[in-house]
Amino acid sequence: MSPVFHRLLFWSARVLSIALIGLLSLFALDVFQEYHGFGKVLVALAIHLIPTFLLLAISLVAWRREWLGALLFAAAGAGYAISVLPKHPSWAAIVSLPLLLIAALYFASWMEHAGPRPVH
């Protein structure tokens, strides 16, 4: 493959995962609409940011171990879809599909690295 394609594949998974984490972090800001005091808002914010921290940890692992990142992002996407699909099918599509796309990009990048090597 060309070096440009290789770099694009390498960085697309990482940039999209950071963008998705940023987007999901924005959803946690809805706790500030509730007026229950500083302590309760802080606890609610921490609870709402648990998925963000989980995906951030997965991204940190995936940065060096692409095959593991592909597996963990796919598991996160499938797990989220299974948990919300009965009640909120649109939520499942909005969150799970980008997670599965990121998993596919990490897998493709890993396959690019793990492909056949020339014998010297």
PDB file of N, CA and C in Angstrom:
ATOM      1  N   MET A   1       0.834  -1.180   0.000  1.00  0.00           N
ATOM      2  CA  MET A   1       0.000   0.000   0.000  1.00  0.00           C
ATOM      3  C   MET A   1       0.885   1.251   0.000  1.00  0.00           C
ATOM      4  N   SER A   2       0.301   2.326  -0.429  1.00  0.00           N
ATOM      5  CA  SER A   2       1.065   3.570  -0.479  1.00  0.00           C
ATOM      6  C   SER A   2       1.248   4.132   0.931  1.00  0.00           C
ATOM      7  N   PRO A   3       2.305   4.885   1.134  1.00  0.00           N
ATOM      8  CA  PRO A   3       2.541   5.478   2.459  1.00  0.00           C
ATOM      9  C   PRO A   3       1.432   6.436   2.879  1.00  0.00           C
ATOM     10  N   VAL A   4       0.818   7.111   1.919  1.00  0.00           N
ATOM     11  CA  VAL A   4      -0.275   8.050   2.245  1.00  0.00           C
ATOM     12  C   VAL A   4      -1.477   7.281   2.777  1.00  0.00           C
ATOM     13  N   PHE A   5      -1.824   6.186   2.107  1.00  0.00           N
ATOM     14  CA  PHE A   5      -2.943   5.365   2.570  1.00  0.00           C
ATOM     15  C   PHE A   5      -2.651   4.785   3.946  1.00  0.00           C
ATOM     16  N   HIS A   6      -1.436   4.344   4.132  1.00  0.00           N
ATOM     17  CA  HIS A   6      -1.029   3.767   5.412  1.00  0.00           C
ATOM     18  C   HIS A   6      -1.187   4.795   6.532  1.00  0.00           C
ATOM     19  N   ARG A   7      -0.723   6.008   6.316  1.00  0.00           N
ATOM     20  CA  ARG A   7      -0.833   7.065   7.338  1.00  0.00           C
ATOM     21  C   ARG A   7      -2.281   7.463   7.565  1.00  0.00           C
ATOM     22  N   LEU A   8      -3.079   7.538   6.493  1.00  0.00           N
ATOM     23  CA  LEU A   8      -4.491   7.880   6.622  1.00  0.00           C
ATOM     24  C   LEU A   8      -5.230   6.825   7.437  1.00  0.00           C
ATOM     25  N   LEU A   9      -4.959   5.583   7.154  1.00  0.00           N
ATOM     26  CA  LEU A   9      -5.585   4.495   7.901  1.00  0.00           C
ATOM     27  C   LEU A   9      -5.148   4.515   9.359  1.00  0.00           C
ATOM     28  N   PHE A  10      -3.864   4.762   9.586  1.00  0.00           N
ATOM     29  CA  PHE A  10      -3.332   4.807  10.942  1.00  0.00           C
ATOM     30  C   PHE A  10      -3.995   5.909  11.766  1.00  0.00           C
ATOM     31  N   TRP A  11      -4.086   7.102  11.212  1.00  0.00           N
ATOM     32  CA  TRP A  11      -4.587   8.240  11.983  1.00  0.00           C
ATOM     33  C   TRP A  11      -6.105   8.341  12.014  1.00  0.00           C
ATOM     34  N   SER A  12      -6.801   7.791  11.036  1.00  0.00           N
ATOM     35  CA  SER A  12      -8.263   7.920  11.013  1.00  0.00           C
ATOM     36  C   SER A  12      -8.907   7.266  12.221  1.00  0.00           C
ATOM     37  N   ALA A  13      -8.448   6.102  12.612  1.00  0.00           N
ATOM     38  CA  ALA A  13      -9.021   5.433  13.785  1.00  0.00           C
ATOM     39  C   ALA A  13      -8.770   6.249  15.045  1.00  0.00           C
ATOM     40  N   ARG A  14      -7.597   6.786  15.174  1.00  0.00           N
ATOM     41  CA  ARG A  14      -7.238   7.547  16.382  1.00  0.00           C
ATOM     42  C   ARG A  14      -7.984   8.872  16.459  1.00  0.00           C
ATOM     43  N   VAL A  15      -8.077   9.571  15.350  1.00  0.00           N
ATOM     44  CA  VAL A  15      -8.769  10.861  15.339  1.00  0.00           C
ATOM     45  C   VAL A  15     -10.267  10.662  15.563  1.00  0.00           C
ATOM     46  N   LEU A  16     -10.856   9.660  14.911  1.00  0.00           N
ATOM     47  CA  LEU A  16     -12.282   9.403  15.106  1.00  0.00           C
ATOM     48  C   LEU A  16     -12.591   8.966  16.536  1.00  0.00           C
ATOM     49  N   SER A  17     -11.717   8.196  17.147  1.00  0.00           N
ATOM     50  CA  SER A  17     -11.975   7.791  18.535  1.00  0.00           C
ATOM     51  C   SER A  17     -11.918   8.993  19.464  1.00  0.00           C
ATOM     52  N   ILE A  18     -10.972   9.902  19.240  1.00  0.00           N
ATOM     53  CA  ILE A  18     -10.891  11.109  20.071  1.00  0.00           C
ATOM     54  C   ILE A  18     -12.115  11.992  19.834  1.00  0.00           C
ATOM     55  N   ALA A  19     -12.553  12.116  18.589  1.00  0.00           N
ATOM     56  CA  ALA A  19     -13.731  12.921  18.284  1.00  0.00           C
ATOM     57  C   ALA A  19     -14.984  12.331  18.931  1.00  0.00           C
ATOM     58  N   LEU A  20     -15.127  11.013  18.877  1.00  0.00           N
ATOM     59  CA  LEU A  20     -16.291  10.378  19.500  1.00  0.00           C
ATOM     60  C   LEU A  20     -16.271  10.547  21.013  1.00  0.00           C
ATOM     61  N   ILE A  21     -15.112  10.437  21.616  1.00  0.00           N
ATOM     62  CA  ILE A  21     -14.995  10.636  23.061  1.00  0.00           C
ATOM     63  C   ILE A  21     -15.382  12.069  23.417  1.00  0.00           C
ATOM     64  N   GLY A  22     -14.944  13.025  22.626  1.00  0.00           N
ATOM     65  CA  GLY A  22     -15.328  14.418  22.859  1.00  0.00           C
ATOM     66  C   GLY A  22     -16.821  14.632  22.721  1.00  0.00           C
ATOM     67  N   LEU A  23     -17.433  14.017  21.714  1.00  0.00           N
ATOM     68  CA  LEU A  23     -18.876  14.146  21.524  1.00  0.00           C
ATOM     69  C   LEU A  23     -19.646  13.531  22.690  1.00  0.00           C
ATOM     70  N   LEU A  24     -19.247  12.352  23.112  1.00  0.00           N
ATOM     71  CA  LEU A  24     -19.938  11.710  24.233  1.00  0.00           C
ATOM     72  C   LEU A  24     -19.743  12.495  25.526  1.00  0.00           C
ATOM     73  N   SER A  25     -18.611  13.175  25.652  1.00  0.00           N
ATOM     74  CA  SER A  25     -18.382  14.003  26.835  1.00  0.00           C
ATOM     75  C   SER A  25     -19.355  15.175  26.877  1.00  0.00           C
ATOM     76  N   LEU A  26     -19.708  15.678  25.723  1.00  0.00           N
ATOM     77  CA  LEU A  26     -20.670  16.781  25.677  1.00  0.00           C
ATOM     78  C   LEU A  26     -22.034  16.374  26.214  1.00  0.00           C
ATOM     79  N   PHE A  27     -22.400  15.116  26.011  1.00  0.00           N
ATOM     80  CA  PHE A  27     -23.693  14.643  26.516  1.00  0.00           C
ATOM     81  C   PHE A  27     -23.757  14.669  28.038  1.00  0.00           C
ATOM     82  N   ALA A  28     -22.615  14.599  28.684  1.00  0.00           N
ATOM     83  CA  ALA A  28     -22.579  14.616  30.147  1.00  0.00           C
ATOM     84  C   ALA A  28     -22.892  15.999  30.709  1.00  0.00           C
ATOM     85  N   LEU A  29     -22.795  17.010  29.887  1.00  0.00           N
ATOM     86  CA  LEU A  29     -23.025  18.371  30.372  1.00  0.00           C
ATOM     87  C   LEU A  29     -24.488  18.671  30.690  1.00  0.00           C
ATOM     88  N   ASP A  30     -25.391  17.763  30.341  1.00  0.00           N
ATOM     89  CA  ASP A  30     -26.796  18.006  30.659  1.00  0.00           C
ATOM     90  C   ASP A  30     -27.082  17.958  32.157  1.00  0.00           C
ATOM     91  N   VAL A  31     -26.146  17.496  32.957  1.00  0.00           N
ATOM     92  CA  VAL A  31     -26.361  17.468  34.408  1.00  0.00           C
ATOM     93  C   VAL A  31     -26.419  18.877  34.989  1.00  0.00           C
ATOM     94  N   PHE A  32     -25.881  19.857  34.286  1.00  0.00           N
ATOM     95  CA  PHE A  32     -25.890  21.216  34.797  1.00  0.00           C
ATOM     96  C   PHE A  32     -27.250  21.880  34.643  1.00  0.00           C
ATOM     97  N   GLN A  33     -28.182  21.241  33.946  1.00  0.00           N
ATOM     98  CA  GLN A  33     -29.537  21.769  33.833  1.00  0.00           C
ATOM     99  C   GLN A  33     -30.331  21.507  35.106  1.00  0.00           C
ATOM    100  N   GLU A  34     -29.925  20.549  35.874  1.00  0.00           N
ATOM    101  CA  GLU A  34     -30.598  20.219  37.127  1.00  0.00           C
ATOM    102  C   GLU A  34     -30.021  21.086  38.239  1.00  0.00           C
ATOM    103  N   TYR A  35     -30.859  21.550  39.118  1.00  0.00           N
ATOM    104  CA  TYR A  35     -30.429  22.453  40.188  1.00  0.00           C
ATOM    105  C   TYR A  35     -30.563  21.752  41.532  1.00  0.00           C
ATOM    106  N   HIS A  36     -29.647  20.817  41.815  1.00  0.00           N
ATOM    107  CA  HIS A  36     -29.722  20.030  43.044  1.00  0.00           C
ATOM    108  C   HIS A  36     -28.545  20.270  43.970  1.00  0.00           C
ATOM    109  N   GLY A  37     -27.797  21.297  43.753  1.00  0.00           N
ATOM    110  CA  GLY A  37     -26.639  21.555  44.598  1.00  0.00           C
ATOM    111  C   GLY A  37     -25.360  21.064  43.960  1.00  0.00           C
ATOM    112  N   PHE A  38     -24.271  21.638  44.406  1.00  0.00           N
ATOM    113  CA  PHE A  38     -22.968  21.364  43.817  1.00  0.00           C
ATOM    114  C   PHE A  38     -22.552  19.904  43.970  1.00  0.00           C
ATOM    115  N   GLY A  39     -22.739  19.332  45.146  1.00  0.00           N
ATOM    116  CA  GLY A  39     -22.318  17.953  45.396  1.00  0.00           C
ATOM    117  C   GLY A  39     -23.049  16.954  44.523  1.00  0.00           C
ATOM    118  N   LYS A  40     -24.359  17.095  44.408  1.00  0.00           N
ATOM    119  CA  LYS A  40     -25.131  16.150  43.586  1.00  0.00           C
ATOM    120  C   LYS A  40     -24.828  16.310  42.109  1.00  0.00           C
ATOM    121  N   VAL A  41     -24.604  17.546  41.683  1.00  0.00           N
ATOM    122  CA  VAL A  41     -24.254  17.768  40.283  1.00  0.00           C
ATOM    123  C   VAL A  41     -22.889  17.169  39.983  1.00  0.00           C
ATOM    124  N   LEU A  42     -21.958  17.301  40.896  1.00  0.00           N
ATOM    125  CA  LEU A  42     -20.627  16.744  40.700  1.00  0.00           C
ATOM    126  C   LEU A  42     -20.661  15.216  40.611  1.00  0.00           C
ATOM    127  N   VAL A  43     -21.459  14.591  41.464  1.00  0.00           N
ATOM    128  CA  VAL A  43     -21.604  13.132  41.417  1.00  0.00           C
ATOM    129  C   VAL A  43     -22.276  12.705  40.111  1.00  0.00           C
ATOM    130  N   ALA A  44     -23.313  13.434  39.710  1.00  0.00           N
ATOM    131  CA  ALA A  44     -24.004  13.113  38.460  1.00  0.00           C
ATOM    132  C   ALA A  44     -23.063  13.272  37.269  1.00  0.00           C
ATOM    133  N   LEU A  45     -22.230  14.301  37.292  1.00  0.00           N
ATOM    134  CA  LEU A  45     -21.269  14.502  36.211  1.00  0.00           C
ATOM    135  C   LEU A  45     -20.269  13.349  36.153  1.00  0.00           C
ATOM    136  N   ALA A  46     -19.785  12.927  37.301  1.00  0.00           N
ATOM    137  CA  ALA A  46     -18.847  11.801  37.348  1.00  0.00           C
ATOM    138  C   ALA A  46     -19.493  10.530  36.798  1.00  0.00           C
ATOM    139  N   ILE A  47     -20.746  10.301  37.137  1.00  0.00           N
ATOM    140  CA  ILE A  47     -21.449   9.115  36.648  1.00  0.00           C
ATOM    141  C   ILE A  47     -21.644   9.195  35.132  1.00  0.00           C
ATOM    142  N   HIS A  48     -22.009  10.379  34.645  1.00  0.00           N
ATOM    143  CA  HIS A  48     -22.220  10.542  33.209  1.00  0.00           C
ATOM    144  C   HIS A  48     -20.919  10.439  32.410  1.00  0.00           C
ATOM    145  N   LEU A  49     -19.798  10.671  33.054  1.00  0.00           N
ATOM    146  CA  LEU A  49     -18.511  10.607  32.355  1.00  0.00           C
ATOM    147  C   LEU A  49     -17.858   9.222  32.401  1.00  0.00           C
ATOM    148  N   ILE A  50     -18.482   8.259  33.048  1.00  0.00           N
ATOM    149  CA  ILE A  50     -17.930   6.897  33.099  1.00  0.00           C
ATOM    150  C   ILE A  50     -17.709   6.321  31.689  1.00  0.00           C
ATOM    151  N   PRO A  51     -18.684   6.427  30.770  1.00  0.00           N
ATOM    152  CA  PRO A  51     -18.410   5.915  29.419  1.00  0.00           C
ATOM    153  C   PRO A  51     -17.250   6.636  28.736  1.00  0.00           C
ATOM    154  N   THR A  52     -17.113   7.922  28.996  1.00  0.00           N
ATOM    155  CA  THR A  52     -16.011   8.680  28.421  1.00  0.00           C
ATOM    156  C   THR A  52     -14.678   8.150  28.923  1.00  0.00           C
ATOM    157  N   PHE A  53     -14.585   7.920  30.225  1.00  0.00           N
ATOM    158  CA  PHE A  53     -13.334   7.404  30.786  1.00  0.00           C
ATOM    159  C   PHE A  53     -13.043   5.992  30.294  1.00  0.00           C
ATOM    160  N   LEU A  54     -14.081   5.195  30.143  1.00  0.00           N
ATOM    161  CA  LEU A  54     -13.912   3.839  29.626  1.00  0.00           C
ATOM    162  C   LEU A  54     -13.381   3.875  28.187  1.00  0.00           C
ATOM    163  N   LEU A  55     -13.987   4.702  27.344  1.00  0.00           N
ATOM    164  CA  LEU A  55     -13.521   4.801  25.961  1.00  0.00           C
ATOM    165  C   LEU A  55     -12.144   5.441  25.866  1.00  0.00           C
ATOM    166  N   LEU A  56     -11.840   6.335  26.774  1.00  0.00           N
ATOM    167  CA  LEU A  56     -10.502   6.921  26.803  1.00  0.00           C
ATOM    168  C   LEU A  56      -9.457   5.857  27.139  1.00  0.00           C
ATOM    169  N   ALA A  57      -9.776   4.987  28.095  1.00  0.00           N
ATOM    170  CA  ALA A  57      -8.863   3.894  28.443  1.00  0.00           C
ATOM    171  C   ALA A  57      -8.693   2.932  27.264  1.00  0.00           C
ATOM    172  N   ILE A  58      -9.784   2.642  26.568  1.00  0.00           N
ATOM    173  CA  ILE A  58      -9.706   1.767  25.397  1.00  0.00           C
ATOM    174  C   ILE A  58      -8.844   2.420  24.319  1.00  0.00           C
ATOM    175  N   SER A  59      -8.998   3.725  24.130  1.00  0.00           N
ATOM    176  CA  SER A  59      -8.197   4.429  23.131  1.00  0.00           C
ATOM    177  C   SER A  59      -6.714   4.399  23.472  1.00  0.00           C
ATOM    178  N   LEU A  60      -6.408   4.543  24.733  1.00  0.00           N
ATOM    179  CA  LEU A  60      -5.004   4.492  25.142  1.00  0.00           C
ATOM    180  C   LEU A  60      -4.397   3.120  24.878  1.00  0.00           C
ATOM    181  N   VAL A  61      -5.167   2.070  25.108  1.00  0.00           N
ATOM    182  CA  VAL A  61      -4.694   0.711  24.823  1.00  0.00           C
ATOM    183  C   VAL A  61      -4.566   0.521  23.310  1.00  0.00           C
ATOM    184  N   ALA A  62      -5.570   1.016  22.575  1.00  0.00           N
ATOM    185  CA  ALA A  62      -5.599   0.818  21.127  1.00  0.00           C
ATOM    186  C   ALA A  62      -4.500   1.577  20.407  1.00  0.00           C
ATOM    187  N   TRP A  63      -4.008   2.625  21.019  1.00  0.00           N
ATOM    188  CA  TRP A  63      -2.979   3.422  20.367  1.00  0.00           C
ATOM    189  C   TRP A  63      -1.749   2.583  20.038  1.00  0.00           C
ATOM    190  N   ARG A  64      -1.405   1.659  20.931  1.00  0.00           N
ATOM    191  CA  ARG A  64      -0.233   0.802  20.724  1.00  0.00           C
ATOM    192  C   ARG A  64      -0.583  -0.607  20.272  1.00  0.00           C
ATOM    193  N   ARG A  65      -1.712  -1.116  20.699  1.00  0.00           N
ATOM    194  CA  ARG A  65      -2.143  -2.479  20.372  1.00  0.00           C
ATOM    195  C   ARG A  65      -3.435  -2.398  19.566  1.00  0.00           C
ATOM    196  N   GLU A  66      -3.271  -2.251  18.256  1.00  0.00           N
ATOM    197  CA  GLU A  66      -4.431  -2.019  17.394  1.00  0.00           C
ATOM    198  C   GLU A  66      -5.403  -3.189  17.391  1.00  0.00           C
ATOM    199  N   TRP A  67      -4.894  -4.397  17.445  1.00  0.00           N
ATOM    200  CA  TRP A  67      -5.776  -5.567  17.432  1.00  0.00           C
ATOM    201  C   TRP A  67      -6.643  -5.586  18.685  1.00  0.00           C
ATOM    202  N   LEU A  68      -6.068  -5.200  19.810  1.00  0.00           N
ATOM    203  CA  LEU A  68      -6.836  -5.148  21.052  1.00  0.00           C
ATOM    204  C   LEU A  68      -7.827  -3.992  21.029  1.00  0.00           C
ATOM    205  N   GLY A  69      -7.426  -2.878  20.432  1.00  0.00           N
ATOM    206  CA  GLY A  69      -8.337  -1.750  20.280  1.00  0.00           C
ATOM    207  C   GLY A  69      -9.534  -2.115  19.423  1.00  0.00           C
ATOM    208  N   ALA A  70      -9.280  -2.845  18.341  1.00  0.00           N
ATOM    209  CA  ALA A  70     -10.383  -3.287  17.483  1.00  0.00           C
ATOM    210  C   ALA A  70     -11.349  -4.171  18.261  1.00  0.00           C
ATOM    211  N   LEU A  71     -10.799  -5.078  19.029  1.00  0.00           N
ATOM    212  CA  LEU A  71     -11.631  -5.978  19.824  1.00  0.00           C
ATOM    213  C   LEU A  71     -12.429  -5.216  20.891  1.00  0.00           C
ATOM    214  N   LEU A  72     -11.775  -4.308  21.604  1.00  0.00           N
ATOM    215  CA  LEU A  72     -12.439  -3.584  22.684  1.00  0.00           C
ATOM    216  C   LEU A  72     -13.467  -2.575  22.166  1.00  0.00           C
ATOM    217  N   PHE A  73     -13.158  -1.887  21.072  1.00  0.00           N
ATOM    218  CA  PHE A  73     -14.140  -0.966  20.496  1.00  0.00           C
ATOM    219  C   PHE A  73     -15.344  -1.728  19.961  1.00  0.00           C
ATOM    220  N   ALA A  74     -15.121  -2.880  19.340  1.00  0.00           N
ATOM    221  CA  ALA A  74     -16.236  -3.703  18.854  1.00  0.00           C
ATOM    222  C   ALA A  74     -17.081  -4.206  20.020  1.00  0.00           C
ATOM    223  N   ALA A  75     -16.427  -4.613  21.098  1.00  0.00           N
ATOM    224  CA  ALA A  75     -17.167  -5.074  22.276  1.00  0.00           C
ATOM    225  C   ALA A  75     -17.961  -3.929  22.901  1.00  0.00           C
ATOM    226  N   ALA A  76     -17.377  -2.732  22.940  1.00  0.00           N
ATOM    227  CA  ALA A  76     -18.094  -1.580  23.492  1.00  0.00           C
ATOM    228  C   ALA A  76     -19.302  -1.236  22.626  1.00  0.00           C
ATOM    229  N   GLY A  77     -19.130  -1.269  21.322  1.00  0.00           N
ATOM    230  CA  GLY A  77     -20.249  -0.981  20.424  1.00  0.00           C
ATOM    231  C   GLY A  77     -21.355  -2.012  20.517  1.00  0.00           C
ATOM    232  N   ALA A  78     -20.979  -3.272  20.525  1.00  0.00           N
ATOM    233  CA  ALA A  78     -21.982  -4.336  20.630  1.00  0.00           C
ATOM    234  C   ALA A  78     -22.651  -4.319  22.002  1.00  0.00           C
ATOM    235  N   GLY A  79     -21.865  -4.118  23.040  1.00  0.00           N
ATOM    236  CA  GLY A  79     -22.439  -4.077  24.386  1.00  0.00           C
ATOM    237  C   GLY A  79     -23.416  -2.934  24.560  1.00  0.00           C
ATOM    238  N   TYR A  80     -23.062  -1.758  24.036  1.00  0.00           N
ATOM    239  CA  TYR A  80     -23.972  -0.627  24.141  1.00  0.00           C
ATOM    240  C   TYR A  80     -25.245  -0.883  23.338  1.00  0.00           C
ATOM    241  N   ALA A  81     -25.105  -1.418  22.138  1.00  0.00           N
ATOM    242  CA  ALA A  81     -26.275  -1.692  21.306  1.00  0.00           C
ATOM    243  C   ALA A  81     -27.203  -2.696  21.977  1.00  0.00           C
ATOM    244  N   ILE A  82     -26.650  -3.731  22.546  1.00  0.00           N
ATOM    245  CA  ILE A  82     -27.470  -4.741  23.215  1.00  0.00           C
ATOM    246  C   ILE A  82     -28.191  -4.147  24.421  1.00  0.00           C
ATOM    247  N   SER A  83     -27.518  -3.262  25.143  1.00  0.00           N
ATOM    248  CA  SER A  83     -28.124  -2.719  26.359  1.00  0.00           C
ATOM    249  C   SER A  83     -29.218  -1.700  26.087  1.00  0.00           C
ATOM    250  N   VAL A  84     -29.145  -0.949  24.983  1.00  0.00           N
ATOM    251  CA  VAL A  84     -30.155   0.094  24.752  1.00  0.00           C
ATOM    252  C   VAL A  84     -31.098  -0.218  23.609  1.00  0.00           C
ATOM    253  N   LEU A  85     -30.832  -1.244  22.844  1.00  0.00           N
ATOM    254  CA  LEU A  85     -31.644  -1.533  21.662  1.00  0.00           C
ATOM    255  C   LEU A  85     -33.130  -1.709  21.957  1.00  0.00           C
ATOM    256  N   PRO A  86     -33.531  -2.433  23.001  1.00  0.00           N
ATOM    257  CA  PRO A  86     -34.969  -2.608  23.220  1.00  0.00           C
ATOM    258  C   PRO A  86     -35.720  -1.297  23.476  1.00  0.00           C
ATOM    259  N   LYS A  87     -35.108  -0.359  24.163  1.00  0.00           N
ATOM    260  CA  LYS A  87     -35.819   0.875  24.517  1.00  0.00           C
ATOM    261  C   LYS A  87     -35.508   2.037  23.584  1.00  0.00           C
ATOM    262  N   HIS A  88     -34.275   2.135  23.107  1.00  0.00           N
ATOM    263  CA  HIS A  88     -33.846   3.283  22.308  1.00  0.00           C
ATOM    264  C   HIS A  88     -33.041   2.833  21.091  1.00  0.00           C
ATOM    265  N   PRO A  89     -33.705   2.330  20.055  1.00  0.00           N
ATOM    266  CA  PRO A  89     -32.952   1.848  18.893  1.00  0.00           C
ATOM    267  C   PRO A  89     -32.151   2.948  18.193  1.00  0.00           C
ATOM    268  N   SER A  90     -32.639   4.177  18.211  1.00  0.00           N
ATOM    269  CA  SER A  90     -31.886   5.249  17.560  1.00  0.00           C
ATOM    270  C   SER A  90     -30.591   5.547  18.324  1.00  0.00           C
ATOM    271  N   TRP A  91     -30.612   5.448  19.650  1.00  0.00           N
ATOM    272  CA  TRP A  91     -29.393   5.640  20.435  1.00  0.00           C
ATOM    273  C   TRP A  91     -28.366   4.576  20.076  1.00  0.00           C
ATOM    274  N   ALA A  92     -28.842   3.364  19.894  1.00  0.00           N
ATOM    275  CA  ALA A  92     -27.937   2.269  19.555  1.00  0.00           C
ATOM    276  C   ALA A  92     -27.222   2.560  18.242  1.00  0.00           C
ATOM    277  N   ALA A  93     -27.949   3.088  17.278  1.00  0.00           N
ATOM    278  CA  ALA A  93     -27.331   3.391  15.986  1.00  0.00           C
ATOM    279  C   ALA A  93     -26.363   4.561  16.090  1.00  0.00           C
ATOM    280  N   ILE A  94     -26.756   5.585  16.833  1.00  0.00           N
ATOM    281  CA  ILE A  94     -25.938   6.801  16.910  1.00  0.00           C
ATOM    282  C   ILE A  94     -24.613   6.554  17.622  1.00  0.00           C
ATOM    283  N   VAL A  95     -24.596   5.728  18.640  1.00  0.00           N
ATOM    284  CA  VAL A  95     -23.373   5.499  19.409  1.00  0.00           C
ATOM    285  C   VAL A  95     -22.644   4.243  18.943  1.00  0.00           C
ATOM    286  N   SER A  96     -23.356   3.180  18.679  1.00  0.00           N
ATOM    287  CA  SER A  96     -22.703   1.900  18.360  1.00  0.00           C
ATOM    288  C   SER A  96     -22.070   1.872  16.977  1.00  0.00           C
ATOM    289  N   LEU A  97     -22.708   2.466  16.006  1.00  0.00           N
ATOM    290  CA  LEU A  97     -22.134   2.422  14.663  1.00  0.00           C
ATOM    291  C   LEU A  97     -20.781   3.129  14.569  1.00  0.00           C
ATOM    292  N   PRO A  98     -20.607   4.317  15.171  1.00  0.00           N
ATOM    293  CA  PRO A  98     -19.258   4.894  15.161  1.00  0.00           C
ATOM    294  C   PRO A  98     -18.237   4.031  15.908  1.00  0.00           C
ATOM    295  N   LEU A  99     -18.653   3.398  17.001  1.00  0.00           N
ATOM    296  CA  LEU A  99     -17.738   2.519  17.728  1.00  0.00           C
ATOM    297  C   LEU A  99     -17.318   1.337  16.862  1.00  0.00           C
ATOM    298  N   LEU A 100     -18.264   0.779  16.119  1.00  0.00           N
ATOM    299  CA  LEU A 100     -17.947  -0.347  15.242  1.00  0.00           C
ATOM    300  C   LEU A 100     -17.092   0.100  14.055  1.00  0.00           C
ATOM    301  N   LEU A 101     -17.323   1.322  13.566  1.00  0.00           N
ATOM    302  CA  LEU A 101     -16.482   1.856  12.500  1.00  0.00           C
ATOM    303  C   LEU A 101     -15.049   2.047  12.987  1.00  0.00           C
ATOM    304  N   ILE A 102     -14.890   2.573  14.179  1.00  0.00           N
ATOM    305  CA  ILE A 102     -13.557   2.751  14.755  1.00  0.00           C
ATOM    306  C   ILE A 102     -12.881   1.398  14.943  1.00  0.00           C
ATOM    307  N   ALA A 103     -13.647   0.410  15.396  1.00  0.00           N
ATOM    308  CA  ALA A 103     -13.093  -0.942  15.545  1.00  0.00           C
ATOM    309  C   ALA A 103     -12.615  -1.478  14.200  1.00  0.00           C
ATOM    310  N   ALA A 104     -13.394  -1.253  13.156  1.00  0.00           N
ATOM    311  CA  ALA A 104     -13.006  -1.725  11.826  1.00  0.00           C
ATOM    312  C   ALA A 104     -11.744  -1.011  11.335  1.00  0.00           C
ATOM    313  N   LEU A 105     -11.630   0.275  11.634  1.00  0.00           N
ATOM    314  CA  LEU A 105     -10.437   1.015  11.226  1.00  0.00           C
ATOM    315  C   LEU A 105      -9.199   0.542  11.978  1.00  0.00           C
ATOM    316  N   TYR A 106      -9.336   0.279  13.270  1.00  0.00           N
ATOM    317  CA  TYR A 106      -8.199  -0.261  14.021  1.00  0.00           C
ATOM    318  C   TYR A 106      -7.821  -1.642  13.502  1.00  0.00           C
ATOM    319  N   PHE A 107      -8.809  -2.442  13.173  1.00  0.00           N
ATOM    320  CA  PHE A 107      -8.522  -3.774  12.644  1.00  0.00           C
ATOM    321  C   PHE A 107      -7.808  -3.684  11.300  1.00  0.00           C
ATOM    322  N   ALA A 108      -8.284  -2.795  10.432  1.00  0.00           N
ATOM    323  CA  ALA A 108      -7.653  -2.635   9.128  1.00  0.00           C
ATOM    324  C   ALA A 108      -6.224  -2.112   9.275  1.00  0.00           C
ATOM    325  N   SER A 109      -6.017  -1.201  10.192  1.00  0.00           N
ATOM    326  CA  SER A 109      -4.675  -0.685  10.427  1.00  0.00           C
ATOM    327  C   SER A 109      -3.757  -1.779  10.970  1.00  0.00           C
ATOM    328  N   TRP A 110      -4.291  -2.605  11.862  1.00  0.00           N
ATOM    329  CA  TRP A 110      -3.501  -3.714  12.390  1.00  0.00           C
ATOM    330  C   TRP A 110      -3.157  -4.710  11.278  1.00  0.00           C
ATOM    331  N   MET A 111      -4.123  -5.000  10.430  1.00  0.00           N
ATOM    332  CA  MET A 111      -3.880  -5.934   9.326  1.00  0.00           C
ATOM    333  C   MET A 111      -2.844  -5.360   8.362  1.00  0.00           C
ATOM    334  N   GLU A 112      -2.854  -4.049   8.205  1.00  0.00           N
ATOM    335  CA  GLU A 112      -1.855  -3.400   7.356  1.00  0.00           C
ATOM    336  C   GLU A 112      -0.455  -3.603   7.926  1.00  0.00           C
ATOM    337  N   HIS A 113      -0.334  -3.509   9.250  1.00  0.00           N
ATOM    338  CA  HIS A 113       0.971  -3.719   9.895  1.00  0.00           C
ATOM    339  C   HIS A 113       1.348  -5.194   9.907  1.00  0.00           C
ATOM    340  N   ALA A 114       0.367  -6.053  10.095  1.00  0.00           N
ATOM    341  CA  ALA A 114       0.641  -7.479  10.252  1.00  0.00           C
ATOM    342  C   ALA A 114       0.674  -8.223   8.921  1.00  0.00           C
ATOM    343  N   GLY A 115       0.515  -7.496   7.838  1.00  0.00           N
ATOM    344  CA  GLY A 115       0.495  -8.132   6.514  1.00  0.00           C
ATOM    345  C   GLY A 115       1.809  -8.811   6.181  1.00  0.00           C
ATOM    346  N   PRO A 116       1.879  -9.408   5.013  1.00  0.00           N
ATOM    347  CA  PRO A 116       3.100 -10.109   4.630  1.00  0.00           C
ATOM    348  C   PRO A 116       4.280  -9.138   4.544  1.00  0.00           C
ATOM    349  N   ARG A 117       5.378  -9.556   5.086  1.00  0.00           N
ATOM    350  CA  ARG A 117       6.597  -8.750   5.098  1.00  0.00           C
ATOM    351  C   ARG A 117       7.575  -9.311   4.054  1.00  0.00           C
ATOM    352  N   PRO A 118       8.289  -8.423   3.399  1.00  0.00           N
ATOM    353  CA  PRO A 118       9.281  -8.926   2.440  1.00  0.00           C
ATOM    354  C   PRO A 118      10.431  -9.607   3.180  1.00  0.00           C
ATOM    355  N   VAL A 119      10.945 -10.645   2.595  1.00  0.00           N
ATOM    356  CA  VAL A 119      12.054 -11.379   3.178  1.00  0.00           C
ATOM    357  C   VAL A 119      13.349 -10.717   2.730  1.00  0.00           C
ATOM    358  N   HIS A 120      14.211 -10.412   3.662  1.00  0.00           N
ATOM    359  CA  HIS A 120      15.477  -9.766   3.332  1.00  0.00           C
ATOM    360  C   HIS A 120      16.607 -10.749   3.399  1.00  0.00           C
TER     361      HIS A 120
END
